[in-house]
Every structure is written in structure tokens, then in C-alpha cells.
């Protein structure tokens, strides 16, 4: 919610209220892991670095290890990975947009860990499908101290497999489980 405030001297400011896990945002380990790393303590080196956009084909609503293996290149290992499902272009308040989105399966989350991915993002409302009510994928990744971004947009404007400098800057909310973030992919290579 944004409330515009103005003063007699002519300056304008806005009062802003939101939850930390809305819009494009970073999930810090504390979101699901007791005593996990808070968003203000995630090292910048984790959220800034070389990254690649991939577009795996989901099997139903799950992006499986097979889906990832079909698009994976060895040079993705140890970098930032952004998953483009194309879901952001469906943005609406419809049940389909909010509940039918694809996401990582448990085996895909373990694949991400095995390949040393330091940070990742996806253009859906959650890292795992909405139907996975136990949040196991959240717990797997965050339990290994791998934060991620949910609800990204415009990934379709980036070239799949091309190296970009990814810069993800969440608000430095003390002891926070997450934060809205500005994420950019710079074409400097």
C-alpha cells in the first residue's frame, strides 16, 4: 500500500506498507530454517555474480531433474541460475496464475545443490509448485543456505544460456526472513 504524503513546503514523499514476501523478493534461509541466515546477513557475493537464464520444460507442474539435465551446461555450475517458465506474462488475480504455476521438484532442488548453484530465481510465485503444501523444496535449498528469488519478471527478454552479471539487492531488513528486491541482469560480457 502506498500513501502519498505532501507538505506545505512542496516536497512529496510516500508512506509504504507491505509484507517482505511479496512481489519480486528474496527468501532468506530464516524463512523456513530455525536460526537460518537472515536477509541482512546474506553476503553480497552470493547475490551478485555471473548468472545464466535457463528455460527447462516442466513435467506437469514440476521442473524435475530430467527437465534441468536437458538444458544444463557444465559452465552453469557454481553460478547464479534464473529459471524462465514464462509464467510472469500470465500475471493476474486468476486461480490459474496463483495456484497452477510450475516449480522445482525435490530431486531438482538436490540437483541445484549438487551443481554448486549459489543463488537462484524463478518467475513464478513460489520456488515449488503451489500444490506442494509441505514446502520441502524451500527447506532443502534454504537448509543448504541457498537463498532464492521468487516472482521475477521479464526473464523472457534475456537470452537463454548467455552469461550476465546478476545483481540482486534486497532491502537490508534486520533479522528478516526475506525482502523485496531489485534484480537486474547486466549484459557486460
N, C-alpha and C. Protein backbone atom coordinates (compact mmCIF):
# COMPACT_ATOMS: atom_id res chain seq x y z
N UNK A 1 0.85 -1.17 0.00
CA UNK A 1 0.00 0.00 0.00
C UNK A 1 0.90 1.23 0.00
N UNK A 2 0.61 2.17 -0.86
CA UNK A 2 1.38 3.41 -0.94
C UNK A 2 0.45 4.57 -0.65
N UNK A 3 0.87 5.40 0.26
CA UNK A 3 0.11 6.60 0.60
C UNK A 3 0.99 7.81 0.31
N UNK A 4 0.50 8.71 -0.52
CA UNK A 4 1.26 9.91 -0.86
C UNK A 4 1.07 10.93 0.26
N UNK A 5 2.19 11.47 0.68
CA UNK A 5 2.18 12.49 1.73
C UNK A 5 2.82 13.74 1.14
N UNK A 6 2.21 14.86 1.32
CA UNK A 6 2.82 16.11 0.86
C UNK A 6 2.84 17.09 2.01
N UNK A 7 3.65 18.09 1.86
CA UNK A 7 3.78 19.07 2.94
C UNK A 7 3.58 20.47 2.39
N UNK A 8 3.35 21.44 3.27
CA UNK A 8 3.17 22.82 2.83
C UNK A 8 4.38 23.40 2.10
N UNK A 9 5.59 22.86 2.37
CA UNK A 9 6.78 23.40 1.69
C UNK A 9 6.96 22.84 0.28
N UNK A 10 6.05 21.95 -0.15
CA UNK A 10 6.06 21.49 -1.53
C UNK A 10 6.74 20.15 -1.79
N UNK A 11 7.41 19.57 -0.80
CA UNK A 11 8.03 18.27 -1.09
C UNK A 11 6.99 17.16 -0.99
N UNK A 12 7.27 16.08 -1.69
CA UNK A 12 6.37 14.93 -1.70
C UNK A 12 7.15 13.71 -1.23
N UNK A 13 6.51 12.87 -0.46
CA UNK A 13 7.08 11.60 -0.02
C UNK A 13 5.95 10.59 0.02
N UNK A 14 6.32 9.32 0.06
CA UNK A 14 5.32 8.27 0.11
C UNK A 14 5.53 7.42 1.36
N UNK A 15 4.43 6.98 1.93
CA UNK A 15 4.47 6.03 3.04
C UNK A 15 4.12 4.68 2.43
N UNK A 16 4.93 3.68 2.70
CA UNK A 16 4.80 2.39 2.04
C UNK A 16 4.65 1.29 3.08
N UNK A 17 3.67 0.41 2.90
CA UNK A 17 3.49 -0.73 3.79
C UNK A 17 3.29 -1.99 2.96
N UNK A 18 4.01 -3.05 3.30
CA UNK A 18 3.92 -4.31 2.57
C UNK A 18 4.47 -5.43 3.45
N UNK A 19 4.26 -6.66 3.01
CA UNK A 19 4.94 -7.77 3.67
C UNK A 19 6.24 -8.03 2.92
N UNK A 20 7.18 -8.67 3.55
CA UNK A 20 8.50 -8.85 2.94
C UNK A 20 8.52 -9.89 1.84
N UNK A 21 7.53 -10.76 1.79
CA UNK A 21 7.49 -11.82 0.78
C UNK A 21 6.40 -11.52 -0.25
N UNK A 22 6.48 -10.36 -0.87
CA UNK A 22 5.53 -10.00 -1.92
C UNK A 22 6.29 -9.39 -3.09
N UNK A 23 5.72 -9.53 -4.29
CA UNK A 23 6.41 -9.06 -5.47
C UNK A 23 7.72 -9.81 -5.64
N UNK A 24 8.61 -9.28 -6.44
CA UNK A 24 9.93 -9.90 -6.60
C UNK A 24 10.65 -9.79 -5.27
N UNK A 25 10.99 -10.93 -4.69
CA UNK A 25 11.57 -10.91 -3.34
C UNK A 25 12.54 -12.07 -3.14
N UNK A 26 13.43 -11.88 -2.18
CA UNK A 26 14.41 -12.89 -1.80
C UNK A 26 13.88 -13.63 -0.58
N UNK A 27 13.96 -14.96 -0.64
CA UNK A 27 13.70 -15.79 0.54
C UNK A 27 15.06 -16.09 1.17
N UNK A 28 15.25 -15.67 2.41
CA UNK A 28 16.46 -15.98 3.16
C UNK A 28 16.24 -17.30 3.90
N UNK A 29 17.30 -18.00 4.27
CA UNK A 29 17.14 -19.26 4.98
C UNK A 29 16.22 -19.19 6.21
N UNK A 30 16.23 -18.09 6.93
CA UNK A 30 15.37 -17.96 8.11
C UNK A 30 13.89 -18.16 7.79
N UNK A 31 13.50 -17.97 6.55
CA UNK A 31 12.09 -18.10 6.15
C UNK A 31 11.53 -19.48 6.54
N UNK A 32 12.37 -20.53 6.47
CA UNK A 32 11.92 -21.87 6.85
C UNK A 32 12.87 -22.62 7.77
N UNK A 33 14.04 -22.07 8.02
CA UNK A 33 15.05 -22.77 8.80
C UNK A 33 15.27 -22.02 10.12
N UNK A 34 14.98 -22.70 11.22
CA UNK A 34 15.18 -22.09 12.54
C UNK A 34 16.64 -21.67 12.68
N UNK A 35 16.86 -20.45 13.10
CA UNK A 35 18.20 -19.86 13.25
C UNK A 35 18.95 -19.75 11.92
N UNK A 36 18.23 -19.79 10.80
CA UNK A 36 18.85 -19.66 9.48
C UNK A 36 19.35 -18.24 9.24
N UNK A 37 20.14 -18.10 8.20
CA UNK A 37 20.68 -16.79 7.83
C UNK A 37 19.54 -15.82 7.53
N UNK A 38 19.66 -14.62 8.04
CA UNK A 38 18.66 -13.58 7.80
C UNK A 38 19.02 -12.82 6.53
N UNK A 39 18.04 -12.14 5.96
CA UNK A 39 18.24 -11.47 4.67
C UNK A 39 19.35 -10.41 4.74
N UNK A 40 19.49 -9.76 5.88
CA UNK A 40 20.52 -8.73 6.01
C UNK A 40 21.92 -9.32 6.15
N UNK A 41 22.01 -10.64 6.33
CA UNK A 41 23.32 -11.28 6.50
C UNK A 41 23.72 -12.16 5.32
N UNK A 42 22.90 -12.16 4.29
CA UNK A 42 23.31 -12.89 3.08
C UNK A 42 24.45 -12.09 2.44
N UNK A 43 25.60 -12.71 2.22
CA UNK A 43 26.72 -11.96 1.64
C UNK A 43 26.39 -11.42 0.24
N UNK A 44 26.84 -10.22 -0.04
CA UNK A 44 26.62 -9.64 -1.37
C UNK A 44 27.20 -10.53 -2.46
N UNK A 45 28.30 -11.23 -2.17
CA UNK A 45 28.93 -12.12 -3.15
C UNK A 45 27.98 -13.24 -3.57
N UNK A 46 27.02 -13.56 -2.72
CA UNK A 46 26.03 -14.58 -3.07
C UNK A 46 25.04 -14.04 -4.09
N UNK A 47 24.65 -12.79 -3.95
CA UNK A 47 23.58 -12.22 -4.76
C UNK A 47 24.06 -11.39 -5.94
N UNK A 48 25.36 -11.28 -6.07
CA UNK A 48 25.95 -10.57 -7.21
C UNK A 48 26.98 -11.50 -7.83
N UNK A 49 26.84 -11.75 -9.11
CA UNK A 49 27.80 -12.62 -9.77
C UNK A 49 27.34 -13.07 -11.13
N UNK A 50 28.14 -13.93 -11.73
CA UNK A 50 27.80 -14.46 -13.05
C UNK A 50 26.57 -15.33 -12.95
N UNK A 51 25.69 -15.17 -13.92
CA UNK A 51 24.47 -15.96 -13.91
C UNK A 51 23.96 -16.24 -15.30
N UNK A 52 23.07 -17.21 -15.36
CA UNK A 52 22.51 -17.68 -16.62
C UNK A 52 21.01 -17.87 -16.48
N UNK A 53 20.29 -17.61 -17.55
CA UNK A 53 18.86 -17.87 -17.61
C UNK A 53 18.67 -19.20 -18.33
N UNK A 54 17.85 -20.07 -17.73
CA UNK A 54 17.53 -21.34 -18.38
C UNK A 54 16.01 -21.45 -18.51
N UNK A 55 15.59 -22.28 -19.45
CA UNK A 55 14.15 -22.49 -19.65
C UNK A 55 13.86 -24.00 -19.72
N UNK A 56 13.83 -24.66 -18.57
CA UNK A 56 13.51 -26.09 -18.58
C UNK A 56 12.02 -26.32 -18.82
N UNK A 57 11.68 -27.41 -19.48
CA UNK A 57 10.28 -27.78 -19.73
C UNK A 57 9.76 -28.53 -18.51
N UNK A 58 8.73 -28.03 -17.86
CA UNK A 58 8.17 -28.77 -16.72
C UNK A 58 7.48 -30.06 -17.16
N UNK A 59 7.45 -31.02 -16.27
CA UNK A 59 6.66 -32.23 -16.45
C UNK A 59 5.42 -32.03 -15.59
N UNK A 60 4.31 -31.65 -16.20
CA UNK A 60 3.14 -31.22 -15.43
C UNK A 60 3.48 -29.89 -14.78
N UNK A 61 3.39 -29.83 -13.46
CA UNK A 61 3.75 -28.59 -12.75
C UNK A 61 5.15 -28.66 -12.15
N UNK A 62 5.84 -29.78 -12.35
CA UNK A 62 7.17 -29.93 -11.74
C UNK A 62 8.30 -29.75 -12.75
N UNK A 63 9.27 -28.95 -12.35
CA UNK A 63 10.54 -28.88 -13.07
C UNK A 63 11.40 -29.94 -12.39
N UNK A 64 11.62 -31.05 -13.07
CA UNK A 64 12.31 -32.19 -12.48
C UNK A 64 13.81 -32.15 -12.80
N UNK A 65 14.54 -33.09 -12.22
CA UNK A 65 15.97 -33.18 -12.52
C UNK A 65 16.15 -33.47 -14.02
N UNK A 66 15.26 -34.26 -14.60
CA UNK A 66 15.33 -34.53 -16.05
C UNK A 66 15.16 -33.24 -16.85
N UNK A 67 14.21 -32.41 -16.41
CA UNK A 67 13.97 -31.11 -17.08
C UNK A 67 15.24 -30.27 -17.05
N UNK A 68 15.91 -30.25 -15.90
CA UNK A 68 17.14 -29.46 -15.76
C UNK A 68 18.28 -30.06 -16.57
N UNK A 69 18.43 -31.38 -16.54
CA UNK A 69 19.53 -32.02 -17.27
C UNK A 69 19.48 -31.72 -18.76
N UNK A 70 18.28 -31.59 -19.31
CA UNK A 70 18.13 -31.32 -20.75
C UNK A 70 18.68 -29.96 -21.16
N UNK A 71 18.71 -29.00 -20.24
CA UNK A 71 19.17 -27.65 -20.59
C UNK A 71 20.49 -27.27 -19.91
N UNK A 72 20.99 -28.13 -19.03
CA UNK A 72 22.15 -27.79 -18.20
C UNK A 72 23.46 -27.85 -18.98
N UNK A 73 24.30 -26.85 -18.77
CA UNK A 73 25.66 -26.81 -19.33
C UNK A 73 26.63 -26.84 -18.15
N UNK A 74 27.77 -27.48 -18.33
CA UNK A 74 28.75 -27.60 -17.25
C UNK A 74 29.14 -26.24 -16.66
N UNK A 75 29.21 -25.21 -17.52
CA UNK A 75 29.66 -23.91 -17.03
C UNK A 75 28.60 -23.19 -16.18
N UNK A 76 27.41 -23.77 -16.02
CA UNK A 76 26.42 -23.20 -15.09
C UNK A 76 26.79 -23.49 -13.63
N UNK A 77 27.57 -24.57 -13.42
CA UNK A 77 27.92 -24.98 -12.06
C UNK A 77 28.56 -23.84 -11.29
N UNK A 78 28.14 -23.66 -10.04
CA UNK A 78 28.73 -22.66 -9.15
C UNK A 78 28.28 -21.23 -9.39
N UNK A 79 27.34 -21.03 -10.30
CA UNK A 79 26.89 -19.68 -10.64
C UNK A 79 25.46 -19.42 -10.16
N UNK A 80 24.92 -18.29 -10.57
CA UNK A 80 23.53 -17.94 -10.30
C UNK A 80 22.68 -18.45 -11.46
N UNK A 81 21.55 -19.06 -11.14
CA UNK A 81 20.65 -19.59 -12.17
C UNK A 81 19.28 -18.96 -12.01
N UNK A 82 18.75 -18.43 -13.11
CA UNK A 82 17.41 -17.85 -13.13
C UNK A 82 16.55 -18.70 -14.05
N UNK A 83 15.42 -19.18 -13.54
CA UNK A 83 14.55 -20.07 -14.31
C UNK A 83 13.40 -19.29 -14.92
N UNK A 84 13.37 -19.32 -16.25
CA UNK A 84 12.32 -18.65 -17.02
C UNK A 84 11.27 -19.69 -17.40
N UNK A 85 10.10 -19.62 -16.76
CA UNK A 85 9.00 -20.51 -17.13
C UNK A 85 8.01 -19.80 -18.04
N UNK A 86 8.14 -18.47 -18.14
CA UNK A 86 7.18 -17.68 -18.90
C UNK A 86 5.92 -17.34 -18.11
N UNK A 87 5.91 -17.73 -16.83
CA UNK A 87 4.70 -17.57 -16.01
C UNK A 87 4.37 -16.11 -15.73
N UNK A 88 5.36 -15.26 -15.64
CA UNK A 88 5.10 -13.86 -15.27
C UNK A 88 4.20 -13.15 -16.27
N UNK A 89 4.16 -13.60 -17.53
CA UNK A 89 3.30 -12.94 -18.51
C UNK A 89 1.82 -13.25 -18.29
N UNK A 90 1.53 -14.22 -17.44
CA UNK A 90 0.14 -14.58 -17.12
C UNK A 90 -0.38 -13.78 -15.92
N UNK A 91 0.42 -12.86 -15.41
CA UNK A 91 0.09 -12.17 -14.16
C UNK A 91 -1.36 -11.70 -14.13
N UNK A 92 -2.04 -12.11 -13.08
CA UNK A 92 -3.43 -11.71 -12.84
C UNK A 92 -3.82 -12.20 -11.45
N UNK A 93 -5.04 -11.95 -11.09
CA UNK A 93 -5.55 -12.47 -9.82
C UNK A 93 -6.32 -13.78 -10.04
N UNK A 94 -6.09 -14.41 -11.19
CA UNK A 94 -6.80 -15.64 -11.51
C UNK A 94 -6.29 -16.80 -10.66
N UNK A 95 -7.14 -17.80 -10.49
CA UNK A 95 -6.75 -19.00 -9.77
C UNK A 95 -5.58 -19.68 -10.50
N UNK A 96 -5.64 -19.72 -11.84
CA UNK A 96 -4.57 -20.35 -12.61
C UNK A 96 -3.22 -19.72 -12.28
N UNK A 97 -3.12 -18.40 -12.34
CA UNK A 97 -1.85 -17.73 -12.08
C UNK A 97 -1.36 -18.01 -10.66
N UNK A 98 -2.26 -17.97 -9.72
CA UNK A 98 -1.87 -18.08 -8.31
C UNK A 98 -1.68 -19.51 -7.82
N UNK A 99 -2.24 -20.50 -8.52
CA UNK A 99 -2.18 -21.86 -7.98
C UNK A 99 -1.64 -22.92 -8.94
N UNK A 100 -1.57 -22.65 -10.22
CA UNK A 100 -1.16 -23.68 -11.18
C UNK A 100 0.27 -23.53 -11.69
N UNK A 101 1.05 -22.68 -11.07
CA UNK A 101 2.40 -22.40 -11.59
C UNK A 101 3.35 -23.59 -11.38
N UNK A 102 4.32 -23.72 -12.30
CA UNK A 102 5.32 -24.77 -12.15
C UNK A 102 6.40 -24.35 -11.15
N UNK A 103 7.11 -25.35 -10.65
CA UNK A 103 8.21 -25.09 -9.74
C UNK A 103 9.09 -26.33 -9.61
N UNK A 104 10.15 -26.19 -8.86
CA UNK A 104 11.11 -27.28 -8.71
C UNK A 104 10.54 -28.46 -7.93
N UNK A 105 10.90 -29.66 -8.37
CA UNK A 105 10.63 -30.87 -7.60
C UNK A 105 11.76 -31.03 -6.59
N UNK A 106 11.60 -31.96 -5.66
CA UNK A 106 12.65 -32.20 -4.66
C UNK A 106 13.94 -32.65 -5.32
N UNK A 107 13.84 -33.54 -6.32
CA UNK A 107 15.07 -34.01 -6.98
C UNK A 107 15.76 -32.88 -7.73
N UNK A 108 14.99 -31.95 -8.27
CA UNK A 108 15.58 -30.79 -8.95
C UNK A 108 16.30 -29.88 -7.96
N UNK A 109 15.73 -29.72 -6.77
CA UNK A 109 16.39 -28.92 -5.73
C UNK A 109 17.73 -29.55 -5.36
N UNK A 110 17.77 -30.86 -5.24
CA UNK A 110 19.03 -31.54 -4.92
C UNK A 110 20.02 -31.42 -6.07
N UNK A 111 19.55 -31.42 -7.31
CA UNK A 111 20.40 -31.21 -8.48
C UNK A 111 21.06 -29.83 -8.40
N UNK A 112 20.29 -28.83 -8.04
CA UNK A 112 20.80 -27.45 -7.89
C UNK A 112 21.93 -27.43 -6.86
N UNK A 113 21.72 -28.11 -5.74
CA UNK A 113 22.74 -28.16 -4.68
C UNK A 113 23.99 -28.88 -5.19
N UNK A 114 23.80 -30.03 -5.82
CA UNK A 114 24.93 -30.83 -6.33
C UNK A 114 25.77 -30.07 -7.35
N UNK A 115 25.17 -29.13 -8.04
CA UNK A 115 25.89 -28.35 -9.06
C UNK A 115 26.41 -27.02 -8.52
N UNK A 116 26.37 -26.85 -7.20
CA UNK A 116 27.01 -25.70 -6.57
C UNK A 116 26.38 -24.35 -6.86
N UNK A 117 25.11 -24.34 -7.28
CA UNK A 117 24.44 -23.07 -7.54
C UNK A 117 24.40 -22.28 -6.24
N UNK A 118 24.84 -21.01 -6.30
CA UNK A 118 24.94 -20.22 -5.07
C UNK A 118 23.70 -19.41 -4.77
N UNK A 119 22.88 -19.17 -5.80
CA UNK A 119 21.71 -18.31 -5.66
C UNK A 119 20.87 -18.57 -6.89
N UNK A 120 19.56 -18.53 -6.75
CA UNK A 120 18.73 -18.77 -7.92
C UNK A 120 17.46 -17.97 -7.86
N UNK A 121 16.76 -17.94 -8.98
CA UNK A 121 15.50 -17.23 -9.05
C UNK A 121 14.55 -17.91 -10.01
N UNK A 122 13.27 -17.58 -9.87
CA UNK A 122 12.24 -18.14 -10.74
C UNK A 122 11.15 -17.09 -10.94
N UNK A 123 10.46 -17.17 -12.07
CA UNK A 123 9.44 -16.17 -12.39
C UNK A 123 8.03 -16.58 -11.97
N UNK A 124 7.93 -17.50 -11.03
CA UNK A 124 6.63 -17.92 -10.51
C UNK A 124 6.48 -17.42 -9.07
N UNK A 125 5.29 -17.58 -8.52
CA UNK A 125 5.04 -17.10 -7.16
C UNK A 125 5.78 -17.90 -6.10
N UNK A 126 6.24 -19.09 -6.44
CA UNK A 126 6.96 -19.92 -5.49
C UNK A 126 8.02 -20.75 -6.17
N UNK A 127 9.01 -21.18 -5.40
CA UNK A 127 10.11 -21.98 -5.93
C UNK A 127 9.64 -23.40 -6.26
N UNK A 128 8.56 -23.82 -5.60
CA UNK A 128 7.99 -25.14 -5.87
C UNK A 128 6.52 -24.96 -6.24
N UNK A 129 5.91 -25.97 -6.86
CA UNK A 129 4.50 -25.82 -7.24
C UNK A 129 3.61 -25.54 -6.03
N UNK A 130 2.56 -24.79 -6.26
CA UNK A 130 1.59 -24.44 -5.22
C UNK A 130 1.02 -25.68 -4.54
N UNK A 131 0.87 -26.76 -5.31
CA UNK A 131 0.28 -27.99 -4.78
C UNK A 131 1.18 -28.68 -3.75
N UNK A 132 2.45 -28.30 -3.67
CA UNK A 132 3.37 -28.88 -2.69
C UNK A 132 3.26 -28.11 -1.38
N UNK A 133 2.33 -28.49 -0.56
CA UNK A 133 1.99 -27.73 0.65
C UNK A 133 2.99 -27.90 1.79
N UNK A 134 3.92 -28.85 1.67
CA UNK A 134 4.87 -29.07 2.77
C UNK A 134 6.13 -28.22 2.65
N UNK A 135 6.28 -27.49 1.55
CA UNK A 135 7.42 -26.58 1.33
C UNK A 135 8.78 -27.28 1.42
N UNK A 136 8.81 -28.54 0.99
CA UNK A 136 10.05 -29.31 1.07
C UNK A 136 11.18 -28.68 0.26
N UNK A 137 10.88 -28.17 -0.93
CA UNK A 137 11.93 -27.56 -1.76
C UNK A 137 12.50 -26.33 -1.07
N UNK A 138 11.64 -25.51 -0.47
CA UNK A 138 12.13 -24.38 0.33
C UNK A 138 13.12 -24.88 1.38
N UNK A 139 12.71 -25.91 2.11
CA UNK A 139 13.54 -26.42 3.21
C UNK A 139 14.85 -27.02 2.71
N UNK A 140 14.81 -27.70 1.57
CA UNK A 140 16.03 -28.30 1.01
C UNK A 140 17.03 -27.20 0.66
N UNK A 141 16.61 -26.22 -0.13
CA UNK A 141 17.53 -25.17 -0.58
C UNK A 141 17.96 -24.26 0.56
N UNK A 142 17.00 -23.78 1.33
CA UNK A 142 17.34 -22.87 2.43
C UNK A 142 18.14 -23.58 3.51
N UNK A 143 17.91 -24.89 3.67
CA UNK A 143 18.68 -25.68 4.63
C UNK A 143 20.14 -25.80 4.25
N UNK A 144 20.44 -25.61 2.97
CA UNK A 144 21.83 -25.60 2.48
C UNK A 144 22.34 -24.18 2.29
N UNK A 145 21.62 -23.22 2.87
CA UNK A 145 21.99 -21.80 2.83
C UNK A 145 22.01 -21.24 1.40
N UNK A 146 21.08 -21.73 0.57
CA UNK A 146 20.94 -21.22 -0.79
C UNK A 146 19.67 -20.38 -0.85
N UNK A 147 19.82 -19.05 -0.80
CA UNK A 147 18.65 -18.19 -0.90
C UNK A 147 18.17 -18.14 -2.36
N UNK A 148 16.96 -17.68 -2.55
CA UNK A 148 16.43 -17.59 -3.91
C UNK A 148 15.43 -16.45 -4.03
N UNK A 149 15.16 -16.11 -5.29
CA UNK A 149 14.22 -15.03 -5.62
C UNK A 149 12.97 -15.66 -6.22
N UNK A 150 11.83 -15.21 -5.77
CA UNK A 150 10.56 -15.65 -6.34
C UNK A 150 9.87 -14.46 -7.01
N UNK A 151 8.98 -14.77 -7.93
CA UNK A 151 8.14 -13.76 -8.59
C UNK A 151 8.96 -12.76 -9.42
N UNK A 152 9.93 -13.29 -10.16
CA UNK A 152 10.72 -12.45 -11.05
C UNK A 152 9.89 -12.11 -12.29
N UNK A 153 10.35 -11.15 -13.06
CA UNK A 153 9.65 -10.80 -14.30
C UNK A 153 10.66 -10.45 -15.38
N UNK A 154 10.19 -10.51 -16.61
CA UNK A 154 10.96 -10.13 -17.80
C UNK A 154 12.14 -11.05 -18.12
N UNK A 155 12.16 -12.25 -17.58
CA UNK A 155 13.26 -13.16 -17.92
C UNK A 155 13.24 -13.56 -19.39
N UNK A 156 12.06 -13.51 -20.01
CA UNK A 156 11.96 -13.85 -21.43
C UNK A 156 12.73 -12.86 -22.31
N UNK A 157 13.07 -11.70 -21.77
CA UNK A 157 13.84 -10.72 -22.56
C UNK A 157 15.34 -11.02 -22.53
N UNK A 158 15.74 -12.02 -21.75
CA UNK A 158 17.15 -12.39 -21.65
C UNK A 158 17.41 -13.65 -22.47
N UNK A 159 18.61 -13.74 -23.01
CA UNK A 159 18.97 -14.87 -23.86
C UNK A 159 19.31 -16.08 -23.00
N UNK A 160 18.67 -17.18 -23.30
CA UNK A 160 18.94 -18.41 -22.57
C UNK A 160 20.39 -18.85 -22.79
N UNK A 161 21.07 -19.19 -21.69
CA UNK A 161 22.43 -19.69 -21.76
C UNK A 161 23.52 -18.64 -21.87
N UNK A 162 23.16 -17.40 -22.05
CA UNK A 162 24.15 -16.31 -22.15
C UNK A 162 24.57 -15.89 -20.75
N UNK A 163 25.84 -15.56 -20.59
CA UNK A 163 26.33 -15.12 -19.28
C UNK A 163 25.99 -13.65 -19.05
N UNK A 164 25.40 -13.36 -17.90
CA UNK A 164 25.08 -11.99 -17.47
C UNK A 164 25.69 -11.77 -16.09
N UNK A 165 25.89 -10.52 -15.75
CA UNK A 165 26.21 -10.16 -14.37
C UNK A 165 24.88 -9.93 -13.68
N UNK A 166 24.55 -10.78 -12.73
CA UNK A 166 23.29 -10.68 -11.99
C UNK A 166 23.53 -9.89 -10.71
N UNK A 167 22.69 -8.91 -10.48
CA UNK A 167 22.76 -8.09 -9.26
C UNK A 167 21.38 -8.14 -8.62
N UNK A 168 21.30 -8.73 -7.44
CA UNK A 168 20.05 -8.83 -6.69
C UNK A 168 20.24 -8.12 -5.36
N UNK A 169 19.49 -7.06 -5.16
CA UNK A 169 19.67 -6.26 -3.95
C UNK A 169 18.38 -6.17 -3.14
N UNK A 170 18.26 -7.02 -2.12
CA UNK A 170 17.11 -6.91 -1.23
C UNK A 170 17.32 -5.76 -0.25
N UNK A 171 16.24 -5.29 0.32
CA UNK A 171 16.36 -4.31 1.40
C UNK A 171 17.07 -4.99 2.57
N UNK A 172 17.88 -4.25 3.28
CA UNK A 172 18.65 -4.82 4.39
C UNK A 172 17.80 -4.77 5.66
N UNK A 173 16.82 -5.66 5.72
CA UNK A 173 15.89 -5.70 6.85
C UNK A 173 16.51 -6.55 7.95
N UNK A 174 16.84 -5.93 9.06
CA UNK A 174 17.48 -6.62 10.17
C UNK A 174 16.66 -7.80 10.66
N UNK A 175 17.30 -8.95 10.75
CA UNK A 175 16.68 -10.18 11.23
C UNK A 175 15.49 -10.62 10.38
N UNK A 176 15.46 -10.20 9.11
CA UNK A 176 14.34 -10.51 8.22
C UNK A 176 14.45 -11.88 7.56
N UNK A 177 13.30 -12.49 7.31
CA UNK A 177 13.24 -13.78 6.62
C UNK A 177 13.24 -13.61 5.11
N UNK A 178 13.12 -12.37 4.65
CA UNK A 178 13.11 -12.09 3.23
C UNK A 178 12.93 -10.61 3.00
N UNK A 179 12.95 -10.23 1.73
CA UNK A 179 12.77 -8.82 1.40
C UNK A 179 12.47 -8.68 -0.08
N UNK A 180 11.67 -7.68 -0.39
CA UNK A 180 11.50 -7.30 -1.78
C UNK A 180 12.88 -6.94 -2.32
N UNK A 181 13.08 -7.13 -3.62
CA UNK A 181 14.41 -6.91 -4.18
C UNK A 181 14.32 -6.34 -5.59
N UNK A 182 15.33 -5.60 -5.93
CA UNK A 182 15.53 -5.15 -7.31
C UNK A 182 16.58 -6.09 -7.89
N UNK A 183 16.26 -6.72 -8.99
CA UNK A 183 17.17 -7.67 -9.62
C UNK A 183 17.40 -7.25 -11.06
N UNK A 184 18.66 -7.15 -11.45
CA UNK A 184 18.99 -6.79 -12.82
C UNK A 184 20.01 -7.78 -13.38
N UNK A 185 19.96 -7.96 -14.69
CA UNK A 185 20.93 -8.77 -15.41
C UNK A 185 21.65 -7.84 -16.36
N UNK A 186 22.93 -7.63 -16.13
CA UNK A 186 23.72 -6.70 -16.94
C UNK A 186 24.46 -7.47 -18.03
N UNK A 187 24.32 -7.01 -19.26
CA UNK A 187 24.96 -7.63 -20.41
C UNK A 187 26.32 -6.98 -20.61
N UNK A 188 27.31 -7.43 -19.84
CA UNK A 188 28.64 -6.80 -19.90
C UNK A 188 29.70 -7.72 -20.49
N UNK A 189 29.32 -8.92 -20.88
CA UNK A 189 30.33 -9.87 -21.37
C UNK A 189 30.31 -9.98 -22.87
